[in-house]
C-alpha cells in the first residue's frame, strides 16, 4: 500500500513539475512530458485523467487540478 501511495504522490508531483514550464511556454516541458510518459508512474497519471471534475480535486488536490487538466488537453486523454 505504501508503494502505491508513493507512486501516486510522485505522479501528481511530476504533473505539477511538467505544468510549470508549460505555462511559461518553456521547451523543457516537452522533455518533462516525455520523461513522465516513459516513467513507471504513467499508469497512475492515466488513472488520474479518468477522474471526474468533481472528484479530481479531492483525490489529487486543488493545486494539481490545473496540471491534470493541461495534461488531458495536451495528450487527449
PDB file of N, CA and C in Angstrom:
ATOM      1  N   UNK A   1       0.817  -1.192   0.000  1.00  0.00           N
ATOM      2  CA  UNK A   1       0.000   0.000   0.000  1.00  0.00           C
ATOM      3  C   UNK A   1       0.870   1.269   0.000  1.00  0.00           C
ATOM      4  N   UNK A   2       1.942   1.248   0.773  1.00  0.00           N
ATOM      5  CA  UNK A   2       2.810   2.422   0.816  1.00  0.00           C
ATOM      6  C   UNK A   2       3.435   2.720  -0.536  1.00  0.00           C
ATOM      7  N   UNK A   3       3.795   1.670  -1.255  1.00  0.00           N
ATOM      8  CA  UNK A   3       4.373   1.855  -2.582  1.00  0.00           C
ATOM      9  C   UNK A   3       3.409   2.520  -3.531  1.00  0.00           C
ATOM     10  N   UNK A   4       2.150   2.140  -3.467  1.00  0.00           N
ATOM     11  CA  UNK A   4       1.140   2.757  -4.332  1.00  0.00           C
ATOM     12  C   UNK A   4       0.901   4.211  -3.951  1.00  0.00           C
ATOM     13  N   UNK A   5       0.896   4.491  -2.669  1.00  0.00           N
ATOM     14  CA  UNK A   5       0.726   5.879  -2.222  1.00  0.00           C
ATOM     15  C   UNK A   5       1.911   6.731  -2.674  1.00  0.00           C
ATOM     16  N   UNK A   6       3.100   6.176  -2.575  1.00  0.00           N
ATOM     17  CA  UNK A   6       4.289   6.907  -3.016  1.00  0.00           C
ATOM     18  C   UNK A   6       4.244   7.153  -4.523  1.00  0.00           C
ATOM     19  N   UNK A   7       3.827   6.159  -5.286  1.00  0.00           N
ATOM     20  CA  UNK A   7       3.711   6.315  -6.745  1.00  0.00           C
ATOM     21  C   UNK A   7       2.685   7.388  -7.083  1.00  0.00           C
ATOM     22  N   UNK A   8       1.589   7.402  -6.356  1.00  0.00           N
ATOM     23  CA  UNK A   8       0.548   8.399  -6.570  1.00  0.00           C
ATOM     24  C   UNK A   8       1.089   9.804  -6.297  1.00  0.00           C
ATOM     25  N   UNK A   9       1.763   9.970  -5.178  1.00  0.00           N
ATOM     26  CA  UNK A   9       2.320  11.284  -4.840  1.00  0.00           C
ATOM     27  C   UNK A   9       3.374  11.718  -5.859  1.00  0.00           C
ATOM     28  N   UNK A  10       4.213  10.784  -6.273  1.00  0.00           N
ATOM     29  CA  UNK A  10       5.242  11.104  -7.256  1.00  0.00           C
ATOM     30  C   UNK A  10       4.596  11.502  -8.582  1.00  0.00           C
ATOM     31  N   UNK A  11       3.541  10.811  -8.973  1.00  0.00           N
ATOM     32  CA  UNK A  11       2.875  11.109 -10.243  1.00  0.00           C
ATOM     33  C   UNK A  11       2.273  12.510 -10.231  1.00  0.00           C
ATOM     34  N   UNK A  12       1.558  12.879  -9.158  1.00  0.00           N
ATOM     35  CA  UNK A  12       0.976  14.215  -9.202  1.00  0.00           C
ATOM     36  C   UNK A  12       2.027  15.299  -9.008  1.00  0.00           C
ATOM     37  N   UNK A  13       3.097  14.991  -8.328  1.00  0.00           N
ATOM     38  CA  UNK A  13       4.208  15.937  -8.235  1.00  0.00           C
ATOM     39  C   UNK A  13       4.845  16.134  -9.614  1.00  0.00           C
ATOM     40  N   UNK A  14       5.024  15.050 -10.350  1.00  0.00           N
ATOM     41  CA  UNK A  14       5.585  15.140 -11.704  1.00  0.00           C
ATOM     42  C   UNK A  14       4.681  15.941 -12.627  1.00  0.00           C
ATOM     43  N   UNK A  15       3.371  15.762 -12.488  1.00  0.00           N
ATOM     44  CA  UNK A  15       2.435  16.544 -13.298  1.00  0.00           C
ATOM     45  C   UNK A  15       2.605  18.033 -13.035  1.00  0.00           C
ATOM     46  N   UNK A  16       2.702  18.396 -11.771  1.00  0.00           N
ATOM     47  CA  UNK A  16       2.890  19.818 -11.441  1.00  0.00           C
ATOM     48  C   UNK A  16       4.235  20.321 -11.949  1.00  0.00           C
ATOM     49  N   UNK A  17       5.278  19.486 -11.840  1.00  0.00           N
ATOM     50  CA  UNK A  17       6.603  19.877 -12.345  1.00  0.00           C
ATOM     51  C   UNK A  17       6.571  20.108 -13.851  1.00  0.00           C
ATOM     52  N   UNK A  18       5.793  19.320 -14.558  1.00  0.00           N
ATOM     53  CA  UNK A  18       5.645  19.487 -16.007  1.00  0.00           C
ATOM     54  C   UNK A  18       4.834  20.743 -16.333  1.00  0.00           C
ATOM     55  N   UNK A  19       3.818  21.006 -15.538  1.00  0.00           N
ATOM     56  CA  UNK A  19       2.889  22.093 -15.838  1.00  0.00           C
ATOM     57  C   UNK A  19       3.543  23.474 -15.731  1.00  0.00           C
ATOM     58  N   UNK A  20       4.466  23.658 -14.820  1.00  0.00           N
ATOM     59  CA  UNK A  20       5.111  24.968 -14.673  1.00  0.00           C
ATOM     60  C   UNK A  20       5.776  25.415 -15.969  1.00  0.00           C
ATOM     61  N   UNK A  21       6.631  24.593 -16.599  1.00  0.00           N
ATOM     62  CA  UNK A  21       7.220  25.028 -17.872  1.00  0.00           C
ATOM     63  C   UNK A  21       6.188  25.165 -19.001  1.00  0.00           C
ATOM     64  N   UNK A  22       5.114  24.388 -18.937  1.00  0.00           N
ATOM     65  CA  UNK A  22       4.052  24.531 -19.948  1.00  0.00           C
ATOM     66  C   UNK A  22       3.487  25.941 -19.884  1.00  0.00           C
ATOM     67  N   UNK A  23       3.189  26.395 -18.677  1.00  0.00           N
ATOM     68  CA  UNK A  23       2.602  27.732 -18.524  1.00  0.00           C
ATOM     69  C   UNK A  23       3.566  28.836 -18.950  1.00  0.00           C
ATOM     70  N   UNK A  24       4.862  28.568 -18.848  1.00  0.00           N
ATOM     71  CA  UNK A  24       5.870  29.557 -19.238  1.00  0.00           C
ATOM     72  C   UNK A  24       6.305  29.389 -20.688  1.00  0.00           C
ATOM     73  N   UNK A  25       5.652  28.464 -21.399  1.00  0.00           N
ATOM     74  CA  UNK A  25       5.992  28.170 -22.793  1.00  0.00           C
ATOM     75  C   UNK A  25       7.465  27.792 -22.937  1.00  0.00           C
ATOM     76  N   UNK A  26       7.959  27.071 -21.955  1.00  0.00           N
ATOM     77  CA  UNK A  26       9.355  26.618 -21.916  1.00  0.00           C
ATOM     78  C   UNK A  26       9.473  25.292 -22.665  1.00  0.00           C
ATOM     79  N   UNK A  27      10.401  25.176 -23.607  1.00  0.00           N
ATOM     80  CA  UNK A  27      10.559  23.927 -24.362  1.00  0.00           C
ATOM     81  C   UNK A  27      10.904  22.718 -23.490  1.00  0.00           C
ATOM     82  N   UNK A  28      11.390  22.974 -22.282  1.00  0.00           N
ATOM     83  CA  UNK A  28      11.687  21.867 -21.373  1.00  0.00           C
ATOM     84  C   UNK A  28      10.434  21.043 -21.059  1.00  0.00           C
ATOM     85  N   UNK A  29       9.271  21.644 -21.203  1.00  0.00           N
ATOM     86  CA  UNK A  29       8.024  20.937 -20.929  1.00  0.00           C
ATOM     87  C   UNK A  29       7.903  19.672 -21.777  1.00  0.00           C
ATOM     88  N   UNK A  30       8.347  19.738 -23.024  1.00  0.00           N
ATOM     89  CA  UNK A  30       8.281  18.560 -23.895  1.00  0.00           C
ATOM     90  C   UNK A  30       9.160  17.432 -23.366  1.00  0.00           C
ATOM     91  N   UNK A  31      10.334  17.787 -22.886  1.00  0.00           N
ATOM     92  CA  UNK A  31      11.243  16.777 -22.337  1.00  0.00           C
ATOM     93  C   UNK A  31      10.668  16.167 -21.056  1.00  0.00           C
ATOM     94  N   UNK A  32      10.081  17.013 -20.226  1.00  0.00           N
ATOM     95  CA  UNK A  32       9.479  16.516 -18.990  1.00  0.00           C
ATOM     96  C   UNK A  32       8.279  15.622 -19.286  1.00  0.00           C
ATOM     97  N   UNK A  33       7.485  15.994 -20.272  1.00  0.00           N
ATOM     98  CA  UNK A  33       6.339  15.166 -20.650  1.00  0.00           C
ATOM     99  C   UNK A  33       6.808  13.802 -21.143  1.00  0.00           C
ATOM    100  N   UNK A  34       7.840  13.785 -21.969  1.00  0.00           N
ATOM    101  CA  UNK A  34       8.353  12.513 -22.471  1.00  0.00           C
ATOM    102  C   UNK A  34       8.899  11.661 -21.332  1.00  0.00           C
ATOM    103  N   UNK A  35       9.601  12.289 -20.404  1.00  0.00           N
ATOM    104  CA  UNK A  35      10.132  11.552 -19.257  1.00  0.00           C
ATOM    105  C   UNK A  35       9.002  10.957 -18.430  1.00  0.00           C
ATOM    106  N   UNK A  36       7.927  11.710 -18.254  1.00  0.00           N
ATOM    107  CA  UNK A  36       6.790  11.194 -17.492  1.00  0.00           C
ATOM    108  C   UNK A  36       6.094  10.066 -18.256  1.00  0.00           C
ATOM    109  N   UNK A  37       5.957  10.221 -19.561  1.00  0.00           N
ATOM    110  CA  UNK A  37       5.334   9.167 -20.364  1.00  0.00           C
ATOM    111  C   UNK A  37       6.148   7.883 -20.339  1.00  0.00           C
ATOM    112  N   UNK A  38       7.458   8.004 -20.208  1.00  0.00           N
ATOM    113  CA  UNK A  38       8.335   6.833 -20.175  1.00  0.00           C
ATOM    114  C   UNK A  38       8.541   6.281 -18.765  1.00  0.00           C
ATOM    115  N   UNK A  39       7.981   6.946 -17.776  1.00  0.00           N
ATOM    116  CA  UNK A  39       8.218   6.560 -16.383  1.00  0.00           C
ATOM    117  C   UNK A  39       7.259   5.463 -15.929  1.00  0.00           C
ATOM    118  N   UNK A  40       7.599   4.791 -14.847  1.00  0.00           N
ATOM    119  CA  UNK A  40       6.686   3.790 -14.301  1.00  0.00           C
ATOM    120  C   UNK A  40       5.423   4.407 -13.695  1.00  0.00           C
ATOM    121  N   UNK A  41       5.382   5.735 -13.581  1.00  0.00           N
ATOM    122  CA  UNK A  41       4.224   6.398 -12.983  1.00  0.00           C
ATOM    123  C   UNK A  41       3.140   6.740 -14.003  1.00  0.00           C
ATOM    124  N   UNK A  42       3.383   6.485 -15.277  1.00  0.00           N
ATOM    125  CA  UNK A  42       2.420   6.902 -16.297  1.00  0.00           C
ATOM    126  C   UNK A  42       1.073   6.213 -16.126  1.00  0.00           C
ATOM    127  N   UNK A  43       1.049   4.981 -15.645  1.00  0.00           N
ATOM    128  CA  UNK A  43      -0.241   4.314 -15.406  1.00  0.00           C
ATOM    129  C   UNK A  43      -1.039   5.043 -14.334  1.00  0.00           C
ATOM    130  N   UNK A  44      -0.341   5.581 -13.354  1.00  0.00           N
ATOM    131  CA  UNK A  44      -1.011   6.350 -12.300  1.00  0.00           C
ATOM    132  C   UNK A  44      -1.565   7.641 -12.896  1.00  0.00           C
ATOM    133  N   UNK A  45      -0.803   8.287 -13.759  1.00  0.00           N
ATOM    134  CA  UNK A  45      -1.278   9.504 -14.417  1.00  0.00           C
ATOM    135  C   UNK A  45      -2.510   9.192 -15.262  1.00  0.00           C
ATOM    136  N   UNK A  46      -2.493   8.080 -15.991  1.00  0.00           N
ATOM    137  CA  UNK A  46      -3.664   7.699 -16.792  1.00  0.00           C
ATOM    138  C   UNK A  46      -4.889   7.511 -15.905  1.00  0.00           C
ATOM    139  N   UNK A  47      -4.699   6.900 -14.749  1.00  0.00           N
ATOM    140  CA  UNK A  47      -5.819   6.725 -13.819  1.00  0.00           C
ATOM    141  C   UNK A  47      -6.336   8.082 -13.345  1.00  0.00           C
ATOM    142  N   UNK A  48      -5.429   9.006 -13.087  1.00  0.00           N
ATOM    143  CA  UNK A  48      -5.836  10.344 -12.656  1.00  0.00           C
ATOM    144  C   UNK A  48      -6.660  11.054 -13.729  1.00  0.00           C
ATOM    145  N   UNK A  49      -6.304  10.849 -14.993  1.00  0.00           N
ATOM    146  CA  UNK A  49      -7.012  11.541 -16.073  1.00  0.00           C
ATOM    147  C   UNK A  49      -8.455  11.064 -16.197  1.00  0.00           C
ATOM    148  N   UNK A  50      -8.745   9.915 -15.636  1.00  0.00           N
ATOM    149  CA  UNK A  50     -10.109   9.389 -15.693  1.00  0.00           C
ATOM    150  C   UNK A  50     -10.976   9.881 -14.534  1.00  0.00           C
ATOM    151  N   UNK A  51     -10.400  10.644 -13.617  1.00  0.00           N
ATOM    152  CA  UNK A  51     -11.171  11.187 -12.502  1.00  0.00           C
ATOM    153  C   UNK A  51     -12.112  12.271 -13.007  1.00  0.00           C
ATOM    154  N   UNK A  52     -13.326  12.251 -12.536  1.00  0.00           N
ATOM    155  CA  UNK A  52     -14.288  13.279 -12.905  1.00  0.00           C
ATOM    156  C   UNK A  52     -13.926  14.612 -12.283  1.00  0.00           C
ATOM    157  N   UNK A  53     -14.472  15.708 -12.823  1.00  0.00           N
ATOM    158  CA  UNK A  53     -14.127  17.041 -12.334  1.00  0.00           C
ATOM    159  C   UNK A  53     -14.509  17.272 -10.872  1.00  0.00           C
ATOM    160  N   UNK A  54     -15.533  16.619 -10.397  1.00  0.00           N
ATOM    161  CA  UNK A  54     -15.918  16.784  -9.003  1.00  0.00           C
ATOM    162  C   UNK A  54     -15.044  15.991  -8.050  1.00  0.00           C
ATOM    163  N   UNK A  55     -14.466  14.916  -8.550  1.00  0.00           N
ATOM    164  CA  UNK A  55     -13.656  14.030  -7.711  1.00  0.00           C
ATOM    165  C   UNK A  55     -12.171  14.383  -7.749  1.00  0.00           C
ATOM    166  N   UNK A  56     -11.692  14.875  -8.866  1.00  0.00           N
ATOM    167  CA  UNK A  56     -10.260  15.137  -9.030  1.00  0.00           C
ATOM    168  C   UNK A  56      -9.674  16.018  -7.922  1.00  0.00           C
ATOM    169  N   UNK A  57     -10.313  17.140  -7.564  1.00  0.00           N
ATOM    170  CA  UNK A  57      -9.712  17.971  -6.512  1.00  0.00           C
ATOM    171  C   UNK A  57      -9.596  17.231  -5.170  1.00  0.00           C
ATOM    172  N   UNK A  58     -10.524  16.360  -4.904  1.00  0.00           N
ATOM    173  CA  UNK A  58     -10.492  15.612  -3.646  1.00  0.00           C
ATOM    174  C   UNK A  58      -9.392  14.558  -3.647  1.00  0.00           C
ATOM    175  N   UNK A  59      -9.083  14.030  -4.814  1.00  0.00           N
ATOM    176  CA  UNK A  59      -8.099  12.950  -4.911  1.00  0.00           C
ATOM    177  C   UNK A  59      -6.686  13.492  -5.124  1.00  0.00           C
ATOM    178  N   UNK A  60      -6.527  14.382  -6.085  1.00  0.00           N
ATOM    179  CA  UNK A  60      -5.179  14.884  -6.402  1.00  0.00           C
ATOM    180  C   UNK A  60      -4.867  16.220  -5.752  1.00  0.00           C
ATOM    181  N   UNK A  61      -5.875  16.877  -5.205  1.00  0.00           N
ATOM    182  CA  UNK A  61      -5.674  18.182  -4.582  1.00  0.00           C
ATOM    183  C   UNK A  61      -5.875  19.307  -5.578  1.00  0.00           C
ATOM    184  N   UNK A  62      -6.405  20.391  -5.079  1.00  0.00           N
ATOM    185  CA  UNK A  62      -6.720  21.538  -5.939  1.00  0.00           C
ATOM    186  C   UNK A  62      -5.491  22.079  -6.658  1.00  0.00           C
ATOM    187  N   UNK A  63      -4.317  22.011  -6.026  1.00  0.00           N
ATOM    188  CA  UNK A  63      -3.082  22.508  -6.656  1.00  0.00           C
ATOM    189  C   UNK A  63      -2.722  21.735  -7.911  1.00  0.00           C
ATOM    190  N   UNK A  64      -3.124  20.468  -7.985  1.00  0.00           N
ATOM    191  CA  UNK A  64      -2.742  19.609  -9.105  1.00  0.00           C
ATOM    192  C   UNK A  64      -3.759  19.649 -10.238  1.00  0.00           C
ATOM    193  N   UNK A  65      -4.984  20.078  -9.959  1.00  0.00           N
ATOM    194  CA  UNK A  65      -6.052  20.050 -10.972  1.00  0.00           C
ATOM    195  C   UNK A  65      -5.676  20.806 -12.243  1.00  0.00           C
ATOM    196  N   UNK A  66      -5.111  22.025 -12.183  1.00  0.00           N
ATOM    197  CA  UNK A  66      -4.744  22.698 -13.443  1.00  0.00           C
ATOM    198  C   UNK A  66      -3.734  21.891 -14.269  1.00  0.00           C
ATOM    199  N   UNK A  67      -2.786  21.251 -13.605  1.00  0.00           N
ATOM    200  CA  UNK A  67      -1.809  20.424 -14.320  1.00  0.00           C
ATOM    201  C   UNK A  67      -2.484  19.218 -14.946  1.00  0.00           C
ATOM    202  N   UNK A  68      -3.395  18.612 -14.213  1.00  0.00           N
ATOM    203  CA  UNK A  68      -4.125  17.455 -14.732  1.00  0.00           C
ATOM    204  C   UNK A  68      -4.976  17.850 -15.934  1.00  0.00           C
ATOM    205  N   UNK A  69      -5.652  18.976 -15.845  1.00  0.00           N
ATOM    206  CA  UNK A  69      -6.450  19.459 -16.974  1.00  0.00           C
ATOM    207  C   UNK A  69      -5.575  19.752 -18.191  1.00  0.00           C
ATOM    208  N   UNK A  70      -4.414  20.352 -17.957  1.00  0.00           N
ATOM    209  CA  UNK A  70      -3.497  20.646 -19.069  1.00  0.00           C
ATOM    210  C   UNK A  70      -2.986  19.361 -19.704  1.00  0.00           C
ATOM    211  N   UNK A  71      -2.714  18.339 -18.887  1.00  0.00           N
ATOM    212  CA  UNK A  71      -2.250  17.058 -19.405  1.00  0.00           C
ATOM    213  C   UNK A  71      -3.332  16.436 -20.282  1.00  0.00           C
ATOM    214  N   UNK A  72      -4.562  16.465 -19.789  1.00  0.00           N
ATOM    215  CA  UNK A  72      -5.688  15.927 -20.590  1.00  0.00           C
ATOM    216  C   UNK A  72      -5.770  16.628 -21.935  1.00  0.00           C
ATOM    217  N   UNK A  73      -5.650  17.946 -21.920  1.00  0.00           N
ATOM    218  CA  UNK A  73      -5.738  18.738 -23.154  1.00  0.00           C
ATOM    219  C   UNK A  73      -4.566  18.422 -24.090  1.00  0.00           C
ATOM    220  N   UNK A  74      -3.383  18.376 -23.535  1.00  0.00           N
ATOM    221  CA  UNK A  74      -2.173  18.169 -24.352  1.00  0.00           C
ATOM    222  C   UNK A  74      -2.111  16.791 -24.963  1.00  0.00           C
ATOM    223  N   UNK A  75      -2.604  15.796 -24.236  1.00  0.00           N
ATOM    224  CA  UNK A  75      -2.416  14.411 -24.671  1.00  0.00           C
ATOM    225  C   UNK A  75      -3.724  13.697 -24.983  1.00  0.00           C
ATOM    226  N   UNK A  76      -4.808  14.460 -25.031  1.00  0.00           N
ATOM    227  CA  UNK A  76      -6.087  13.904 -25.467  1.00  0.00           C
ATOM    228  C   UNK A  76      -6.596  12.749 -24.645  1.00  0.00           C
ATOM    229  N   UNK A  77      -6.291  12.781 -23.383  1.00  0.00           N
ATOM    230  CA  UNK A  77      -6.713  11.680 -22.507  1.00  0.00           C
ATOM    231  C   UNK A  77      -7.877  12.141 -21.673  1.00  0.00           C
TER     232      UNK A  77
END
